[in-house]
Amino acid sequence: MREFLAEHLGVFDPEDIRILVRAFDQAWEAVQASGAVFETKAKADMARAILAKHMIAAAKEGDLDEERLRDGALVVLAHSNLPATP
């Protein structure tokens, strides 16, 4: 998440960043707990990018609720064309 936030320096305050990082970590943990397996590291990185970009966009619109950020990003990932095998 922090690498994606680097593109948005000055947009978020330290507490916003903590919220985003926690929400991202929770979302990634949920992906891993689901048993989803990405064929390559590049695809796993793409999944992480989808999660992070959705959360950053939502936060820029003012949504800093950890659960909504996590859940919204997971929905976006589930609807993406990124294949993962269970």
N, C-alpha and C. Protein backbone atom coordinates (compact mmCIF):
# COMPACT_ATOMS: atom_id res chain seq x y z
N MET A 1 0.82 -1.19 0.00
CA MET A 1 0.00 0.00 0.00
C MET A 1 0.86 1.25 0.00
N ARG A 2 1.92 1.24 0.78
CA ARG A 2 2.73 2.45 0.90
C ARG A 2 3.34 2.87 -0.45
N GLU A 3 3.68 1.90 -1.29
CA GLU A 3 4.23 2.27 -2.60
C GLU A 3 3.20 2.99 -3.45
N PHE A 4 1.93 2.66 -3.30
CA PHE A 4 0.87 3.33 -4.05
C PHE A 4 0.59 4.70 -3.46
N LEU A 5 0.71 4.82 -2.16
CA LEU A 5 0.49 6.11 -1.51
C LEU A 5 1.58 7.12 -1.87
N ALA A 6 2.74 6.64 -2.25
CA ALA A 6 3.84 7.53 -2.61
C ALA A 6 3.46 8.45 -3.77
N GLU A 7 2.53 7.98 -4.60
CA GLU A 7 2.06 8.79 -5.73
C GLU A 7 1.12 9.91 -5.28
N HIS A 8 0.72 9.90 -4.02
CA HIS A 8 -0.26 10.84 -3.51
C HIS A 8 0.27 11.60 -2.30
N LEU A 9 1.53 11.97 -2.36
CA LEU A 9 2.15 12.70 -1.24
C LEU A 9 1.38 13.97 -0.95
N GLY A 10 1.14 14.21 0.32
CA GLY A 10 0.47 15.43 0.74
C GLY A 10 -1.05 15.36 0.70
N VAL A 11 -1.61 14.27 0.15
CA VAL A 11 -3.06 14.15 0.05
C VAL A 11 -3.66 13.65 1.37
N PHE A 12 -2.94 12.74 2.02
CA PHE A 12 -3.46 12.11 3.23
C PHE A 12 -2.60 12.47 4.43
N ASP A 13 -3.27 12.64 5.57
CA ASP A 13 -2.52 12.88 6.79
C ASP A 13 -2.10 11.54 7.40
N PRO A 14 -1.26 11.56 8.43
CA PRO A 14 -0.75 10.30 8.98
C PRO A 14 -1.84 9.33 9.46
N GLU A 15 -2.91 9.85 10.05
CA GLU A 15 -3.99 8.95 10.50
C GLU A 15 -4.71 8.33 9.30
N ASP A 16 -4.92 9.10 8.24
CA ASP A 16 -5.53 8.55 7.03
C ASP A 16 -4.67 7.41 6.48
N ILE A 17 -3.38 7.62 6.49
CA ILE A 17 -2.46 6.59 5.98
C ILE A 17 -2.54 5.34 6.84
N ARG A 18 -2.61 5.50 8.15
CA ARG A 18 -2.74 4.33 9.03
C ARG A 18 -4.03 3.56 8.72
N ILE A 19 -5.12 4.28 8.51
CA ILE A 19 -6.39 3.64 8.18
C ILE A 19 -6.27 2.88 6.86
N LEU A 20 -5.70 3.51 5.86
CA LEU A 20 -5.55 2.86 4.55
C LEU A 20 -4.67 1.62 4.63
N VAL A 21 -3.59 1.71 5.36
CA VAL A 21 -2.68 0.56 5.48
C VAL A 21 -3.37 -0.58 6.21
N ARG A 22 -4.09 -0.27 7.29
CA ARG A 22 -4.81 -1.32 8.02
C ARG A 22 -5.88 -1.97 7.14
N ALA A 23 -6.64 -1.16 6.43
CA ALA A 23 -7.70 -1.70 5.56
C ALA A 23 -7.09 -2.57 4.46
N PHE A 24 -5.97 -2.11 3.89
CA PHE A 24 -5.31 -2.88 2.85
C PHE A 24 -4.81 -4.21 3.41
N ASP A 25 -4.16 -4.17 4.55
CA ASP A 25 -3.64 -5.40 5.16
C ASP A 25 -4.77 -6.38 5.46
N GLN A 26 -5.89 -5.87 5.94
CA GLN A 26 -7.04 -6.74 6.23
C GLN A 26 -7.60 -7.35 4.93
N ALA A 27 -7.67 -6.54 3.89
CA ALA A 27 -8.17 -7.05 2.61
C ALA A 27 -7.25 -8.13 2.06
N TRP A 28 -5.95 -7.90 2.12
CA TRP A 28 -5.00 -8.89 1.58
C TRP A 28 -5.05 -10.17 2.41
N GLU A 29 -5.20 -10.04 3.71
CA GLU A 29 -5.34 -11.22 4.56
C GLU A 29 -6.60 -12.00 4.18
N ALA A 30 -7.68 -11.30 3.85
CA ALA A 30 -8.92 -11.97 3.44
C ALA A 30 -8.72 -12.71 2.12
N VAL A 31 -7.98 -12.10 1.20
CA VAL A 31 -7.69 -12.76 -0.08
C VAL A 31 -6.91 -14.04 0.18
N GLN A 32 -5.89 -13.96 0.99
CA GLN A 32 -5.08 -15.13 1.29
C GLN A 32 -5.89 -16.20 2.02
N ALA A 33 -6.74 -15.78 2.96
CA ALA A 33 -7.55 -16.74 3.71
C ALA A 33 -8.59 -17.42 2.83
N SER A 34 -8.95 -16.78 1.72
CA SER A 34 -9.94 -17.36 0.81
C SER A 34 -9.39 -18.56 0.06
N GLY A 35 -8.06 -18.68 0.07
CA GLY A 35 -7.43 -19.77 -0.66
C GLY A 35 -7.11 -19.43 -2.11
N ALA A 36 -7.38 -18.18 -2.49
CA ALA A 36 -7.06 -17.76 -3.86
C ALA A 36 -5.56 -17.88 -4.10
N VAL A 37 -5.21 -18.44 -5.25
CA VAL A 37 -3.81 -18.61 -5.62
C VAL A 37 -3.60 -17.91 -6.96
N PHE A 38 -2.64 -17.02 -6.99
CA PHE A 38 -2.30 -16.33 -8.23
C PHE A 38 -1.14 -17.06 -8.88
N GLU A 39 -1.25 -17.28 -10.18
CA GLU A 39 -0.29 -18.11 -10.90
C GLU A 39 1.13 -17.54 -10.88
N THR A 40 1.23 -16.22 -10.83
CA THR A 40 2.54 -15.59 -10.85
C THR A 40 2.59 -14.47 -9.83
N LYS A 41 3.79 -14.05 -9.49
CA LYS A 41 3.95 -12.90 -8.59
C LYS A 41 3.37 -11.65 -9.23
N ALA A 42 3.48 -11.54 -10.54
CA ALA A 42 2.94 -10.38 -11.24
C ALA A 42 1.42 -10.29 -11.06
N LYS A 43 0.74 -11.43 -11.09
CA LYS A 43 -0.71 -11.41 -10.90
C LYS A 43 -1.07 -11.09 -9.46
N ALA A 44 -0.30 -11.58 -8.52
CA ALA A 44 -0.53 -11.22 -7.12
C ALA A 44 -0.30 -9.72 -6.93
N ASP A 45 0.72 -9.19 -7.57
CA ASP A 45 0.99 -7.75 -7.49
C ASP A 45 -0.15 -6.95 -8.11
N MET A 46 -0.71 -7.46 -9.20
CA MET A 46 -1.86 -6.80 -9.83
C MET A 46 -3.06 -6.80 -8.88
N ALA A 47 -3.28 -7.90 -8.19
CA ALA A 47 -4.38 -7.98 -7.23
C ALA A 47 -4.18 -6.95 -6.12
N ARG A 48 -2.97 -6.85 -5.63
CA ARG A 48 -2.67 -5.89 -4.58
C ARG A 48 -2.87 -4.46 -5.10
N ALA A 49 -2.52 -4.22 -6.35
CA ALA A 49 -2.71 -2.89 -6.94
C ALA A 49 -4.19 -2.55 -7.06
N ILE A 50 -5.00 -3.52 -7.44
CA ILE A 50 -6.45 -3.29 -7.54
C ILE A 50 -7.00 -2.89 -6.17
N LEU A 51 -6.61 -3.61 -5.15
CA LEU A 51 -7.07 -3.29 -3.79
C LEU A 51 -6.64 -1.87 -3.40
N ALA A 52 -5.36 -1.58 -3.56
CA ALA A 52 -4.82 -0.29 -3.13
C ALA A 52 -5.44 0.86 -3.90
N LYS A 53 -5.54 0.73 -5.20
CA LYS A 53 -6.06 1.84 -6.01
C LYS A 53 -7.51 2.13 -5.69
N HIS A 54 -8.29 1.09 -5.44
CA HIS A 54 -9.69 1.33 -5.07
C HIS A 54 -9.76 2.07 -3.74
N MET A 55 -8.98 1.62 -2.78
CA MET A 55 -9.00 2.25 -1.46
C MET A 55 -8.56 3.71 -1.52
N ILE A 56 -7.53 3.97 -2.28
CA ILE A 56 -7.03 5.35 -2.39
C ILE A 56 -8.08 6.24 -3.05
N ALA A 57 -8.72 5.73 -4.10
CA ALA A 57 -9.76 6.52 -4.77
C ALA A 57 -10.92 6.81 -3.82
N ALA A 58 -11.34 5.81 -3.06
CA ALA A 58 -12.44 6.00 -2.11
C ALA A 58 -12.04 7.00 -1.02
N ALA A 59 -10.82 6.88 -0.53
CA ALA A 59 -10.35 7.79 0.51
C ALA A 59 -10.25 9.22 -0.02
N LYS A 60 -9.85 9.38 -1.25
CA LYS A 60 -9.79 10.72 -1.84
C LYS A 60 -11.17 11.34 -1.95
N GLU A 61 -12.20 10.49 -2.04
CA GLU A 61 -13.57 10.97 -2.08
C GLU A 61 -14.13 11.19 -0.67
N GLY A 62 -13.32 10.89 0.35
CA GLY A 62 -13.72 11.17 1.72
C GLY A 62 -14.10 9.96 2.55
N ASP A 63 -14.09 8.77 1.96
CA ASP A 63 -14.45 7.57 2.73
C ASP A 63 -13.21 7.01 3.42
N LEU A 64 -13.17 7.15 4.72
CA LEU A 64 -12.04 6.63 5.49
C LEU A 64 -12.51 5.61 6.52
N ASP A 65 -13.64 4.95 6.23
CA ASP A 65 -14.11 3.88 7.09
C ASP A 65 -13.37 2.60 6.71
N GLU A 66 -12.62 2.05 7.66
CA GLU A 66 -11.77 0.88 7.39
C GLU A 66 -12.53 -0.29 6.79
N GLU A 67 -13.68 -0.60 7.36
CA GLU A 67 -14.44 -1.74 6.88
C GLU A 67 -14.98 -1.52 5.47
N ARG A 68 -15.49 -0.32 5.19
CA ARG A 68 -15.98 -0.03 3.84
C ARG A 68 -14.85 -0.05 2.83
N LEU A 69 -13.70 0.48 3.21
CA LEU A 69 -12.55 0.46 2.31
C LEU A 69 -12.17 -0.99 1.98
N ARG A 70 -12.05 -1.81 3.02
CA ARG A 70 -11.69 -3.22 2.84
C ARG A 70 -12.72 -3.94 1.98
N ASP A 71 -13.99 -3.84 2.37
CA ASP A 71 -15.03 -4.58 1.68
C ASP A 71 -15.20 -4.11 0.23
N GLY A 72 -15.15 -2.81 0.03
CA GLY A 72 -15.29 -2.27 -1.33
C GLY A 72 -14.17 -2.74 -2.23
N ALA A 73 -12.96 -2.74 -1.71
CA ALA A 73 -11.81 -3.19 -2.51
C ALA A 73 -11.93 -4.68 -2.83
N LEU A 74 -12.41 -5.47 -1.89
CA LEU A 74 -12.57 -6.90 -2.14
C LEU A 74 -13.63 -7.16 -3.21
N VAL A 75 -14.69 -6.37 -3.21
CA VAL A 75 -15.72 -6.50 -4.24
C VAL A 75 -15.14 -6.15 -5.61
N VAL A 76 -14.39 -5.07 -5.67
CA VAL A 76 -13.77 -4.66 -6.94
C VAL A 76 -12.83 -5.76 -7.44
N LEU A 77 -12.03 -6.33 -6.55
CA LEU A 77 -11.12 -7.41 -6.94
C LEU A 77 -11.90 -8.62 -7.43
N ALA A 78 -12.97 -8.96 -6.75
CA ALA A 78 -13.77 -10.13 -7.15
C ALA A 78 -14.39 -9.94 -8.53
N HIS A 79 -14.69 -8.70 -8.89
CA HIS A 79 -15.29 -8.42 -10.19
C HIS A 79 -14.27 -8.10 -11.28
N SER A 80 -13.02 -8.12 -10.91
CA SER A 80 -11.97 -7.84 -11.90
C SER A 80 -11.78 -9.05 -12.80
N ASN A 81 -11.07 -8.87 -13.85
CA ASN A 81 -10.77 -9.98 -14.77
C ASN A 81 -9.49 -10.71 -14.39
N LEU A 82 -9.01 -10.44 -13.20
CA LEU A 82 -7.77 -11.07 -12.75
C LEU A 82 -8.05 -12.49 -12.29
N PRO A 83 -7.53 -13.46 -13.01
CA PRO A 83 -7.81 -14.85 -12.63
C PRO A 83 -6.99 -15.31 -11.42
N ALA A 84 -7.68 -15.97 -10.54
CA ALA A 84 -7.04 -16.62 -9.40
C ALA A 84 -7.72 -17.99 -9.26
N THR A 85 -6.97 -18.96 -8.83
CA THR A 85 -7.55 -20.28 -8.67
C THR A 85 -7.75 -20.56 -7.19
N PRO A 86 -8.88 -21.14 -6.86
CA PRO A 86 -9.14 -21.46 -5.45
C PRO A 86 -8.32 -22.64 -4.97
